[in-house]
PDB file of N, CA and C in Angstrom:
ATOM      1  N   MET A   1       8.479 -15.343 -11.179  1.00  0.00           N
ATOM      2  CA  MET A   1       9.185 -16.155 -12.161  1.00  0.00           C
ATOM      3  C   MET A   1       9.752 -15.234 -13.250  1.00  0.00           C
ATOM      4  N   LEU A   2      10.998 -15.442 -13.596  1.00  0.00           N
ATOM      5  CA  LEU A   2      11.654 -14.569 -14.556  1.00  0.00           C
ATOM      6  C   LEU A   2      11.035 -14.632 -15.945  1.00  0.00           C
ATOM      7  N   SER A   3      10.476 -15.766 -16.343  1.00  0.00           N
ATOM      8  CA  SER A   3       9.875 -15.864 -17.672  1.00  0.00           C
ATOM      9  C   SER A   3       8.604 -15.020 -17.780  1.00  0.00           C
ATOM     10  N   ASP A   4       8.022 -14.657 -16.645  1.00  0.00           N
ATOM     11  CA  ASP A   4       6.829 -13.817 -16.633  1.00  0.00           C
ATOM     12  C   ASP A   4       7.162 -12.342 -16.420  1.00  0.00           C
ATOM     13  N   ASN A   5       8.418 -12.025 -16.402  1.00  0.00           N
ATOM     14  CA  ASN A   5       8.908 -10.680 -16.151  1.00  0.00           C
ATOM     15  C   ASN A   5       8.414  -9.723 -17.239  1.00  0.00           C
ATOM     16  N   ILE A   6       7.667  -8.700 -16.830  1.00  0.00           N
ATOM     17  CA  ILE A   6       7.123  -7.735 -17.792  1.00  0.00           C
ATOM     18  C   ILE A   6       8.231  -7.019 -18.561  1.00  0.00           C
ATOM     19  N   PHE A   7       9.374  -6.792 -17.916  1.00  0.00           N
ATOM     20  CA  PHE A   7      10.472  -6.110 -18.600  1.00  0.00           C
ATOM     21  C   PHE A   7      11.053  -6.975 -19.711  1.00  0.00           C
ATOM     22  N   LEU A   8      11.113  -8.276 -19.506  1.00  0.00           N
ATOM     23  CA  LEU A   8      11.576  -9.164 -20.585  1.00  0.00           C
ATOM     24  C   LEU A   8      10.618  -9.097 -21.769  1.00  0.00           C
ATOM     25  N   LYS A   9       9.336  -9.015 -21.486  1.00  0.00           N
ATOM     26  CA  LYS A   9       8.354  -8.923 -22.562  1.00  0.00           C
ATOM     27  C   LYS A   9       8.511  -7.612 -23.332  1.00  0.00           C
ATOM     28  N   ILE A  10       8.869  -6.538 -22.632  1.00  0.00           N
ATOM     29  CA  ILE A  10       9.143  -5.270 -23.312  1.00  0.00           C
ATOM     30  C   ILE A  10      10.412  -5.382 -24.134  1.00  0.00           C
ATOM     31  N   LEU A  11      11.462  -5.964 -23.556  1.00  0.00           N
ATOM     32  CA  LEU A  11      12.717  -6.151 -24.286  1.00  0.00           C
ATOM     33  C   LEU A  11      12.521  -6.983 -25.547  1.00  0.00           C
ATOM     34  N   GLU A  12      11.665  -7.989 -25.466  1.00  0.00           N
ATOM     35  CA  GLU A  12      11.404  -8.882 -26.600  1.00  0.00           C
ATOM     36  C   GLU A  12      10.335  -8.327 -27.540  1.00  0.00           C
ATOM     37  N   LYS A  13       9.841  -7.124 -27.251  1.00  0.00           N
ATOM     38  CA  LYS A  13       8.815  -6.447 -28.063  1.00  0.00           C
ATOM     39  C   LYS A  13       7.507  -7.240 -28.119  1.00  0.00           C
ATOM     40  N   LYS A  14       7.239  -8.006 -27.058  1.00  0.00           N
ATOM     41  CA  LYS A  14       5.989  -8.759 -26.971  1.00  0.00           C
ATOM     42  C   LYS A  14       4.856  -7.902 -26.439  1.00  0.00           C
ATOM     43  N   ILE A  15       5.208  -6.832 -25.723  1.00  0.00           N
ATOM     44  CA  ILE A  15       4.219  -5.855 -25.296  1.00  0.00           C
ATOM     45  C   ILE A  15       4.785  -4.470 -25.602  1.00  0.00           C
ATOM     46  N   PRO A  16       3.919  -3.518 -25.893  1.00  0.00           N
ATOM     47  CA  PRO A  16       4.405  -2.185 -26.281  1.00  0.00           C
ATOM     48  C   PRO A  16       4.905  -1.372 -25.094  1.00  0.00           C
ATOM     49  N   ALA A  17       5.787  -0.453 -25.395  1.00  0.00           N
ATOM     50  CA  ALA A  17       6.287   0.511 -24.414  1.00  0.00           C
ATOM     51  C   ALA A  17       6.624   1.785 -25.165  1.00  0.00           C
ATOM     52  N   ARG A  18       6.557   2.893 -24.466  1.00  0.00           N
ATOM     53  CA  ARG A  18       6.927   4.178 -25.059  1.00  0.00           C
ATOM     54  C   ARG A  18       8.434   4.366 -24.867  1.00  0.00           C
ATOM     55  N   ILE A  19       9.181   3.815 -25.799  1.00  0.00           N
ATOM     56  CA  ILE A  19      10.637   3.750 -25.706  1.00  0.00           C
ATOM     57  C   ILE A  19      11.264   5.108 -26.028  1.00  0.00           C
ATOM     58  N   LEU A  20      12.183   5.519 -25.171  1.00  0.00           N
ATOM     59  CA  LEU A  20      12.915   6.774 -25.348  1.00  0.00           C
ATOM     60  C   LEU A  20      14.344   6.541 -25.821  1.00  0.00           C
ATOM     61  N   TYR A  21      14.900   5.405 -25.447  1.00  0.00           N
ATOM     62  CA  TYR A  21      16.306   5.118 -25.746  1.00  0.00           C
ATOM     63  C   TYR A  21      16.484   3.604 -25.783  1.00  0.00           C
ATOM     64  N   GLU A  22      17.356   3.179 -26.690  1.00  0.00           N
ATOM     65  CA  GLU A  22      17.620   1.743 -26.806  1.00  0.00           C
ATOM     66  C   GLU A  22      19.001   1.569 -27.404  1.00  0.00           C
ATOM     67  N   ASP A  23      19.784   0.663 -26.828  1.00  0.00           N
ATOM     68  CA  ASP A  23      21.062   0.277 -27.412  1.00  0.00           C
ATOM     69  C   ASP A  23      21.313  -1.191 -27.085  1.00  0.00           C
ATOM     70  N   GLU A  24      22.518  -1.658 -27.343  1.00  0.00           N
ATOM     71  CA  GLU A  24      22.806  -3.083 -27.149  1.00  0.00           C
ATOM     72  C   GLU A  24      22.873  -3.475 -25.676  1.00  0.00           C
ATOM     73  N   HIS A  25      22.923  -2.493 -24.766  1.00  0.00           N
ATOM     74  CA  HIS A  25      23.055  -2.783 -23.339  1.00  0.00           C
ATOM     75  C   HIS A  25      21.779  -2.575 -22.536  1.00  0.00           C
ATOM     76  N   CYS A  26      20.921  -1.655 -23.002  1.00  0.00           N
ATOM     77  CA  CYS A  26      19.751  -1.308 -22.200  1.00  0.00           C
ATOM     78  C   CYS A  26      18.639  -0.715 -23.048  1.00  0.00           C
ATOM     79  N   ILE A  27      17.532  -0.492 -22.380  1.00  0.00           N
ATOM     80  CA  ILE A  27      16.383   0.161 -22.989  1.00  0.00           C
ATOM     81  C   ILE A  27      15.782   1.089 -21.932  1.00  0.00           C
ATOM     82  N   ALA A  28      15.252   2.222 -22.360  1.00  0.00           N
ATOM     83  CA  ALA A  28      14.616   3.173 -21.449  1.00  0.00           C
ATOM     84  C   ALA A  28      13.241   3.526 -22.006  1.00  0.00           C
ATOM     85  N   PHE A  29      12.260   3.554 -21.125  1.00  0.00           N
ATOM     86  CA  PHE A  29      10.891   3.821 -21.557  1.00  0.00           C
ATOM     87  C   PHE A  29      10.116   4.506 -20.441  1.00  0.00           C
ATOM     88  N   HIS A  30       9.027   5.178 -20.834  1.00  0.00           N
ATOM     89  CA  HIS A  30       8.170   5.852 -19.867  1.00  0.00           C
ATOM     90  C   HIS A  30       7.483   4.833 -18.964  1.00  0.00           C
ATOM     91  N   ASP A  31       7.424   5.130 -17.673  1.00  0.00           N
ATOM     92  CA  ASP A  31       6.719   4.285 -16.713  1.00  0.00           C
ATOM     93  C   ASP A  31       5.215   4.435 -16.940  1.00  0.00           C
ATOM     94  N   ASN A  32       4.479   3.343 -16.906  1.00  0.00           N
ATOM     95  CA  ASN A  32       3.025   3.386 -17.099  1.00  0.00           C
ATOM     96  C   ASN A  32       2.288   3.915 -15.879  1.00  0.00           C
ATOM     97  N   ASN A  33       2.963   3.983 -14.740  1.00  0.00           N
ATOM     98  CA  ASN A  33       2.370   4.491 -13.506  1.00  0.00           C
ATOM     99  C   ASN A  33       3.294   5.568 -12.939  1.00  0.00           C
ATOM    100  N   PRO A  34       3.384   6.717 -13.630  1.00  0.00           N
ATOM    101  CA  PRO A  34       4.382   7.723 -13.258  1.00  0.00           C
ATOM    102  C   PRO A  34       4.162   8.311 -11.865  1.00  0.00           C
ATOM    103  N   GLN A  35       5.290   8.502 -11.167  1.00  0.00           N
ATOM    104  CA  GLN A  35       5.277   9.091  -9.833  1.00  0.00           C
ATOM    105  C   GLN A  35       5.787  10.536  -9.844  1.00  0.00           C
ATOM    106  N   ALA A  36       6.047  11.044 -11.031  1.00  0.00           N
ATOM    107  CA  ALA A  36       6.501  12.422 -11.235  1.00  0.00           C
ATOM    108  C   ALA A  36       6.151  12.792 -12.669  1.00  0.00           C
ATOM    109  N   PRO A  37       6.187  14.086 -12.997  1.00  0.00           N
ATOM    110  CA  PRO A  37       5.898  14.478 -14.382  1.00  0.00           C
ATOM    111  C   PRO A  37       6.776  13.752 -15.411  1.00  0.00           C
ATOM    112  N   VAL A  38       8.021  13.507 -15.062  1.00  0.00           N
ATOM    113  CA  VAL A  38       8.902  12.673 -15.882  1.00  0.00           C
ATOM    114  C   VAL A  38       9.247  11.448 -15.049  1.00  0.00           C
ATOM    115  N   HIS A  39       8.937  10.272 -15.566  1.00  0.00           N
ATOM    116  CA  HIS A  39       9.252   9.014 -14.881  1.00  0.00           C
ATOM    117  C   HIS A  39       9.615   7.989 -15.944  1.00  0.00           C
ATOM    118  N   VAL A  40      10.905   7.719 -16.029  1.00  0.00           N
ATOM    119  CA  VAL A  40      11.442   6.808 -17.031  1.00  0.00           C
ATOM    120  C   VAL A  40      12.096   5.627 -16.332  1.00  0.00           C
ATOM    121  N   LEU A  41      11.915   4.455 -16.882  1.00  0.00           N
ATOM    122  CA  LEU A  41      12.594   3.257 -16.384  1.00  0.00           C
ATOM    123  C   LEU A  41      13.739   2.930 -17.330  1.00  0.00           C
ATOM    124  N   ILE A  42      14.889   2.628 -16.759  1.00  0.00           N
ATOM    125  CA  ILE A  42      16.070   2.253 -17.535  1.00  0.00           C
ATOM    126  C   ILE A  42      16.447   0.849 -17.086  1.00  0.00           C
ATOM    127  N   ILE A  43      16.391  -0.107 -18.018  1.00  0.00           N
ATOM    128  CA  ILE A  43      16.635  -1.502 -17.655  1.00  0.00           C
ATOM    129  C   ILE A  43      17.743  -2.089 -18.522  1.00  0.00           C
ATOM    130  N   PRO A  44      18.572  -2.915 -17.928  1.00  0.00           N
ATOM    131  CA  PRO A  44      19.594  -3.592 -18.726  1.00  0.00           C
ATOM    132  C   PRO A  44      18.973  -4.735 -19.527  1.00  0.00           C
ATOM    133  N   ARG A  45      19.568  -5.049 -20.642  1.00  0.00           N
ATOM    134  CA  ARG A  45      19.118  -6.213 -21.407  1.00  0.00           C
ATOM    135  C   ARG A  45      19.469  -7.499 -20.665  1.00  0.00           C
ATOM    136  N   LYS A  46      20.578  -7.456 -19.944  1.00  0.00           N
ATOM    137  CA  LYS A  46      20.970  -8.608 -19.131  1.00  0.00           C
ATOM    138  C   LYS A  46      20.033  -8.693 -17.937  1.00  0.00           C
ATOM    139  N   VAL A  47      19.535  -9.871 -17.655  1.00  0.00           N
ATOM    140  CA  VAL A  47      18.664 -10.054 -16.505  1.00  0.00           C
ATOM    141  C   VAL A  47      19.512 -10.141 -15.242  1.00  0.00           C
ATOM    142  N   ILE A  48      19.337  -9.144 -14.387  1.00  0.00           N
ATOM    143  CA  ILE A  48      19.926  -9.126 -13.053  1.00  0.00           C
ATOM    144  C   ILE A  48      18.728  -8.940 -12.133  1.00  0.00           C
ATOM    145  N   PRO A  49      18.322  -9.957 -11.383  1.00  0.00           N
ATOM    146  CA  PRO A  49      17.073  -9.866 -10.621  1.00  0.00           C
ATOM    147  C   PRO A  49      17.004  -8.692  -9.652  1.00  0.00           C
ATOM    148  N   THR A  50      18.049  -8.457  -8.867  1.00  0.00           N
ATOM    149  CA  THR A  50      18.045  -7.355  -7.903  1.00  0.00           C
ATOM    150  C   THR A  50      19.443  -6.746  -7.841  1.00  0.00           C
ATOM    151  N   HIS A  51      19.534  -5.607  -7.193  1.00  0.00           N
ATOM    152  CA  HIS A  51      20.820  -4.950  -6.979  1.00  0.00           C
ATOM    153  C   HIS A  51      21.766  -5.875  -6.227  1.00  0.00           C
ATOM    154  N   ALA A  52      21.228  -6.701  -5.341  1.00  0.00           N
ATOM    155  CA  ALA A  52      22.039  -7.643  -4.562  1.00  0.00           C
ATOM    156  C   ALA A  52      22.662  -8.735  -5.435  1.00  0.00           C
ATOM    157  N   ASP A  53      22.190  -8.882  -6.665  1.00  0.00           N
ATOM    158  CA  ASP A  53      22.693  -9.926  -7.569  1.00  0.00           C
ATOM    159  C   ASP A  53      23.768  -9.430  -8.529  1.00  0.00           C
ATOM    160  N   ILE A  54      24.189  -8.177  -8.386  1.00  0.00           N
ATOM    161  CA  ILE A  54      25.216  -7.623  -9.266  1.00  0.00           C
ATOM    162  C   ILE A  54      26.528  -8.373  -9.055  1.00  0.00           C
ATOM    163  N   GLN A  55      27.205  -8.654 -10.160  1.00  0.00           N
ATOM    164  CA  GLN A  55      28.502  -9.318 -10.131  1.00  0.00           C
ATOM    165  C   GLN A  55      29.584  -8.339 -10.576  1.00  0.00           C
ATOM    166  N   ALA A  56      30.832  -8.687 -10.334  1.00  0.00           N
ATOM    167  CA  ALA A  56      31.948  -7.809 -10.711  1.00  0.00           C
ATOM    168  C   ALA A  56      31.899  -7.462 -12.194  1.00  0.00           C
ATOM    169  N   GLU A  57      31.511  -8.407 -13.032  1.00  0.00           N
ATOM    170  CA  GLU A  57      31.478  -8.152 -14.476  1.00  0.00           C
ATOM    171  C   GLU A  57      30.352  -7.201 -14.893  1.00  0.00           C
ATOM    172  N   ASP A  58      29.472  -6.839 -13.970  1.00  0.00           N
ATOM    173  CA  ASP A  58      28.369  -5.925 -14.275  1.00  0.00           C
ATOM    174  C   ASP A  58      28.727  -4.452 -14.033  1.00  0.00           C
ATOM    175  N   ARG A  59      29.923  -4.171 -13.554  1.00  0.00           N
ATOM    176  CA  ARG A  59      30.287  -2.791 -13.202  1.00  0.00           C
ATOM    177  C   ARG A  59      30.166  -1.840 -14.388  1.00  0.00           C
ATOM    178  N   GLU A  60      30.659  -2.237 -15.539  1.00  0.00           N
ATOM    179  CA  GLU A  60      30.589  -1.364 -16.713  1.00  0.00           C
ATOM    180  C   GLU A  60      29.133  -1.150 -17.144  1.00  0.00           C
ATOM    181  N   LEU A  61      28.331  -2.188 -17.089  1.00  0.00           N
ATOM    182  CA  LEU A  61      26.919  -2.084 -17.441  1.00  0.00           C
ATOM    183  C   LEU A  61      26.199  -1.089 -16.530  1.00  0.00           C
ATOM    184  N   LEU A  62      26.458  -1.158 -15.235  1.00  0.00           N
ATOM    185  CA  LEU A  62      25.795  -0.234 -14.313  1.00  0.00           C
ATOM    186  C   LEU A  62      26.231   1.199 -14.555  1.00  0.00           C
ATOM    187  N   GLY A  63      27.486   1.400 -14.882  1.00  0.00           N
ATOM    188  CA  GLY A  63      27.944   2.739 -15.246  1.00  0.00           C
ATOM    189  C   GLY A  63      27.234   3.234 -16.485  1.00  0.00           C
ATOM    190  N   HIS A  64      27.015   2.343 -17.437  1.00  0.00           N
ATOM    191  CA  HIS A  64      26.310   2.712 -18.667  1.00  0.00           C
ATOM    192  C   HIS A  64      24.871   3.137 -18.357  1.00  0.00           C
ATOM    193  N   LEU A  65      24.194   2.419 -17.467  1.00  0.00           N
ATOM    194  CA  LEU A  65      22.818   2.780 -17.104  1.00  0.00           C
ATOM    195  C   LEU A  65      22.773   4.191 -16.525  1.00  0.00           C
ATOM    196  N   HIS A  66      23.745   4.528 -15.704  1.00  0.00           N
ATOM    197  CA  HIS A  66      23.798   5.873 -15.121  1.00  0.00           C
ATOM    198  C   HIS A  66      24.105   6.926 -16.182  1.00  0.00           C
ATOM    199  N   TRP A  67      24.962   6.600 -17.120  1.00  0.00           N
ATOM    200  CA  TRP A  67      25.255   7.518 -18.220  1.00  0.00           C
ATOM    201  C   TRP A  67      23.992   7.780 -19.040  1.00  0.00           C
ATOM    202  N   VAL A  68      23.251   6.715 -19.340  1.00  0.00           N
ATOM    203  CA  VAL A  68      21.998   6.861 -20.092  1.00  0.00           C
ATOM    204  C   VAL A  68      21.027   7.754 -19.311  1.00  0.00           C
ATOM    205  N   ALA A  69      20.937   7.562 -18.005  1.00  0.00           N
ATOM    206  CA  ALA A  69      20.051   8.396 -17.187  1.00  0.00           C
ATOM    207  C   ALA A  69      20.424   9.864 -17.302  1.00  0.00           C
ATOM    208  N   ALA A  70      21.705  10.175 -17.243  1.00  0.00           N
ATOM    209  CA  ALA A  70      22.150  11.570 -17.343  1.00  0.00           C
ATOM    210  C   ALA A  70      21.829  12.150 -18.715  1.00  0.00           C
ATOM    211  N   GLN A  71      22.022  11.374 -19.768  1.00  0.00           N
ATOM    212  CA  GLN A  71      21.708  11.842 -21.122  1.00  0.00           C
ATOM    213  C   GLN A  71      20.214  12.099 -21.278  1.00  0.00           C
ATOM    214  N   LEU A  72      19.389  11.180 -20.760  1.00  0.00           N
ATOM    215  CA  LEU A  72      17.934  11.338 -20.867  1.00  0.00           C
ATOM    216  C   LEU A  72      17.443  12.521 -20.035  1.00  0.00           C
ATOM    217  N   ALA A  73      18.042  12.743 -18.879  1.00  0.00           N
ATOM    218  CA  ALA A  73      17.642  13.881 -18.049  1.00  0.00           C
ATOM    219  C   ALA A  73      17.800  15.182 -18.830  1.00  0.00           C
ATOM    220  N   GLU A  74      18.903  15.322 -19.519  1.00  0.00           N
ATOM    221  CA  GLU A  74      19.116  16.527 -20.332  1.00  0.00           C
ATOM    222  C   GLU A  74      18.110  16.593 -21.471  1.00  0.00           C
ATOM    223  N   LYS A  75      17.949  15.484 -22.160  1.00  0.00           N
ATOM    224  CA  LYS A  75      17.026  15.429 -23.307  1.00  0.00           C
ATOM    225  C   LYS A  75      15.590  15.757 -22.896  1.00  0.00           C
ATOM    226  N   LEU A  76      15.203  15.322 -21.703  1.00  0.00           N
ATOM    227  CA  LEU A  76      13.828  15.505 -21.236  1.00  0.00           C
ATOM    228  C   LEU A  76      13.617  16.809 -20.472  1.00  0.00           C
ATOM    229  N   GLY A  77      14.662  17.632 -20.382  1.00  0.00           N
ATOM    230  CA  GLY A  77      14.531  18.944 -19.765  1.00  0.00           C
ATOM    231  C   GLY A  77      14.518  18.949 -18.248  1.00  0.00           C
ATOM    232  N   ILE A  78      15.073  17.908 -17.636  1.00  0.00           N
ATOM    233  CA  ILE A  78      15.107  17.857 -16.170  1.00  0.00           C
ATOM    234  C   ILE A  78      16.546  17.880 -15.646  1.00  0.00           C
ATOM    235  N   GLY A  79      17.458  18.338 -16.481  1.00  0.00           N
ATOM    236  CA  GLY A  79      18.862  18.381 -16.092  1.00  0.00           C
ATOM    237  C   GLY A  79      19.150  19.290 -14.913  1.00  0.00           C
ATOM    238  N   ASP A  80      18.197  20.170 -14.568  1.00  0.00           N
ATOM    239  CA  ASP A  80      18.404  21.070 -13.431  1.00  0.00           C
ATOM    240  C   ASP A  80      18.141  20.391 -12.093  1.00  0.00           C
ATOM    241  N   GLY A  81      17.677  19.158 -12.124  1.00  0.00           N
ATOM    242  CA  GLY A  81      17.449  18.393 -10.898  1.00  0.00           C
ATOM    243  C   GLY A  81      16.560  17.202 -11.145  1.00  0.00           C
ATOM    244  N   TYR A  82      17.054  16.050 -10.791  1.00  0.00           N
ATOM    245  CA  TYR A  82      16.282  14.816 -10.961  1.00  0.00           C
ATOM    246  C   TYR A  82      16.699  13.827  -9.893  1.00  0.00           C
ATOM    247  N   ARG A  83      15.932  12.778  -9.766  1.00  0.00           N
ATOM    248  CA  ARG A  83      16.227  11.727  -8.796  1.00  0.00           C
ATOM    249  C   ARG A  83      16.346  10.406  -9.526  1.00  0.00           C
ATOM    250  N   LEU A  84      17.334   9.620  -9.119  1.00  0.00           N
ATOM    251  CA  LEU A  84      17.475   8.240  -9.576  1.00  0.00           C
ATOM    252  C   LEU A  84      17.145   7.330  -8.405  1.00  0.00           C
ATOM    253  N   VAL A  85      16.283   6.351  -8.645  1.00  0.00           N
ATOM    254  CA  VAL A  85      15.893   5.406  -7.603  1.00  0.00           C
ATOM    255  C   VAL A  85      16.153   4.000  -8.112  1.00  0.00           C
ATOM    256  N   LEU A  86      16.738   3.189  -7.255  1.00  0.00           N
ATOM    257  CA  LEU A  86      16.960   1.785  -7.551  1.00  0.00           C
ATOM    258  C   LEU A  86      16.532   1.004  -6.315  1.00  0.00           C
ATOM    259  N   ASN A  87      15.388   0.357  -6.396  1.00  0.00           N
ATOM    260  CA  ASN A  87      14.877  -0.427  -5.272  1.00  0.00           C
ATOM    261  C   ASN A  87      15.473  -1.826  -5.314  1.00  0.00           C
ATOM    262  N   CYS A  88      15.767  -2.379  -4.154  1.00  0.00           N
ATOM    263  CA  CYS A  88      16.345  -3.721  -4.078  1.00  0.00           C
ATOM    264  C   CYS A  88      15.461  -4.617  -3.223  1.00  0.00           C
ATOM    265  N   LYS A  89      14.781  -5.514  -3.883  1.00  0.00           N
ATOM    266  CA  LYS A  89      13.907  -6.522  -3.284  1.00  0.00           C
ATOM    267  C   LYS A  89      12.566  -5.921  -2.860  1.00  0.00           C
ATOM    268  N   GLU A  90      11.616  -6.805  -2.603  1.00  0.00           N
ATOM    269  CA  GLU A  90      10.233  -6.394  -2.340  1.00  0.00           C
ATOM    270  C   GLU A  90      10.099  -5.463  -1.146  1.00  0.00           C
ATOM    271  N   ARG A  91      10.858  -5.704  -0.100  1.00  0.00           N
ATOM    272  CA  ARG A  91      10.741  -4.875   1.098  1.00  0.00           C
ATOM    273  C   ARG A  91      11.058  -3.400   0.802  1.00  0.00           C
ATOM    274  N   ALA A  92      11.878  -3.169  -0.205  1.00  0.00           N
ATOM    275  CA  ALA A  92      12.240  -1.801  -0.586  1.00  0.00           C
ATOM    276  C   ALA A  92      11.358  -1.258  -1.707  1.00  0.00           C
ATOM    277  N   GLY A  93      10.406  -2.059  -2.177  1.00  0.00           N
ATOM    278  CA  GLY A  93       9.485  -1.587  -3.202  1.00  0.00           C
ATOM    279  C   GLY A  93       9.749  -2.102  -4.595  1.00  0.00           C
ATOM    280  N   GLN A  94      10.688  -3.037  -4.753  1.00  0.00           N
ATOM    281  CA  GLN A  94      10.938  -3.601  -6.077  1.00  0.00           C
ATOM    282  C   GLN A  94       9.816  -4.579  -6.412  1.00  0.00           C
ATOM    283  N   THR A  95       9.103  -4.310  -7.506  1.00  0.00           N
ATOM    284  CA  THR A  95       7.963  -5.153  -7.873  1.00  0.00           C
ATOM    285  C   THR A  95       8.239  -6.037  -9.083  1.00  0.00           C
ATOM    286  N   VAL A  96       9.294  -5.742  -9.827  1.00  0.00           N
ATOM    287  CA  VAL A  96       9.661  -6.556 -10.991  1.00  0.00           C
ATOM    288  C   VAL A  96      11.062  -7.109 -10.737  1.00  0.00           C
ATOM    289  N   PRO A  97      11.244  -8.436 -10.845  1.00  0.00           N
ATOM    290  CA  PRO A  97      12.548  -9.030 -10.554  1.00  0.00           C
ATOM    291  C   PRO A  97      13.547  -8.844 -11.704  1.00  0.00           C
ATOM    292  N   HIS A  98      13.828  -7.601 -12.018  1.00  0.00           N
ATOM    293  CA  HIS A  98      14.768  -7.241 -13.080  1.00  0.00           C
ATOM    294  C   HIS A  98      15.299  -5.864 -12.685  1.00  0.00           C
ATOM    295  N   LEU A  99      16.568  -5.777 -12.365  1.00  0.00           N
ATOM    296  CA  LEU A  99      17.163  -4.523 -11.925  1.00  0.00           C
ATOM    297  C   LEU A  99      16.762  -3.392 -12.868  1.00  0.00           C
ATOM    298  N   HIS A 100      16.421  -2.239 -12.310  1.00  0.00           N
ATOM    299  CA  HIS A 100      16.049  -1.090 -13.128  1.00  0.00           C
ATOM    300  C   HIS A 100      16.218   0.199 -12.345  1.00  0.00           C
ATOM    301  N   LEU A 101      16.542   1.252 -13.073  1.00  0.00           N
ATOM    302  CA  LEU A 101      16.638   2.595 -12.504  1.00  0.00           C
ATOM    303  C   LEU A 101      15.365   3.359 -12.829  1.00  0.00           C
ATOM    304  N   HIS A 102      14.872   4.100 -11.853  1.00  0.00           N
ATOM    305  CA  HIS A 102      13.794   5.044 -12.079  1.00  0.00           C
ATOM    306  C   HIS A 102      14.435   6.414 -12.220  1.00  0.00           C
ATOM    307  N   LEU A 103      14.198   7.091 -13.324  1.00  0.00           N
ATOM    308  CA  LEU A 103      14.623   8.469 -13.526  1.00  0.00           C
ATOM    309  C   LEU A 103      13.389   9.334 -13.328  1.00  0.00           C
ATOM    310  N   LEU A 104      13.400  10.155 -12.281  1.00  0.00           N
ATOM    311  CA  LEU A 104      12.247  10.961 -11.902  1.00  0.00           C
ATOM    312  C   LEU A 104      12.612  12.440 -11.933  1.00  0.00           C
ATOM    313  N   GLY A 105      11.721  13.272 -12.451  1.00  0.00           N
ATOM    314  CA  GLY A 105      11.974  14.694 -12.475  1.00  0.00           C
ATOM    315  C   GLY A 105      10.743  15.488 -12.843  1.00  0.00           C
ATOM    316  N   GLY A 106      10.936  16.799 -12.948  1.00  0.00           N
ATOM    317  CA  GLY A 106       9.841  17.670 -13.332  1.00  0.00           C
ATOM    318  C   GLY A 106       9.068  18.227 -12.155  1.00  0.00           C
ATOM    319  N   ARG A 107       9.528  17.960 -10.936  1.00  0.00           N
ATOM    320  CA  ARG A 107       8.918  18.526  -9.734  1.00  0.00           C
ATOM    321  C   ARG A 107       9.965  18.536  -8.637  1.00  0.00           C
ATOM    322  N   ASN A 108       9.672  19.233  -7.554  1.00  0.00           N
ATOM    323  CA  ASN A 108      10.557  19.234  -6.390  1.00  0.00           C
ATOM    324  C   ASN A 108      10.342  17.952  -5.599  1.00  0.00           C
ATOM    325  N   PHE A 109      11.416  17.437  -5.038  1.00  0.00           N
ATOM    326  CA  PHE A 109      11.355  16.219  -4.244  1.00  0.00           C
ATOM    327  C   PHE A 109      11.694  16.540  -2.789  1.00  0.00           C
ATOM    328  N   ALA A 110      11.080  15.830  -1.864  1.00  0.00           N
ATOM    329  CA  ALA A 110      11.358  15.997  -0.442  1.00  0.00           C
ATOM    330  C   ALA A 110      12.386  14.959   0.012  1.00  0.00           C
ATOM    331  N   TRP A 111      12.946  15.220   1.187  1.00  0.00           N
ATOM    332  CA  TRP A 111      13.885  14.271   1.786  1.00  0.00           C
ATOM    333  C   TRP A 111      13.518  14.132   3.257  1.00  0.00           C
ATOM    334  N   PRO A 112      13.476  12.968   3.819  1.00  0.00           N
ATOM    335  CA  PRO A 112      13.826  11.704   3.167  1.00  0.00           C
ATOM    336  C   PRO A 112      12.686  11.185   2.309  1.00  0.00           C
ATOM    337  N   PRO A 113      13.022  10.391   1.301  1.00  0.00           N
ATOM    338  CA  PRO A 113      11.974   9.812   0.447  1.00  0.00           C
ATOM    339  C   PRO A 113      11.248   8.701   1.202  1.00  0.00           C
ATOM    340  N   GLY A 114      10.024   8.430   0.792  1.00  0.00           N
ATOM    341  CA  GLY A 114       9.239   7.317   1.280  1.00  0.00           C
ATOM    342  C   GLY A 114       9.240   7.146   2.753  1.00  0.00           C
TER     343      GLY A 114
END
């Protein structure tokens, strides 16, 4: 249920988060269960449940999320190599019904992932 969405509670400041970046379009914060030395979640303020729910009017917002990821990668010292992950639906590992980017870095990554 979207009203129980943990990301909405973070956006509404109902639960704490270690926020790194915030603007009128998105918020970025450290993941509580990091999968790399640097693991940041970047979420839009607009609720988009999954990548499959993106609409034409969301194109600029998604570009902004990627721009924020690039800025944070530099700020966090992982500009020499990082991974962006966007899971779509439960089968792909999406556990929160709110589109979000994972910015991962600080270690070498293998391919293929998962």
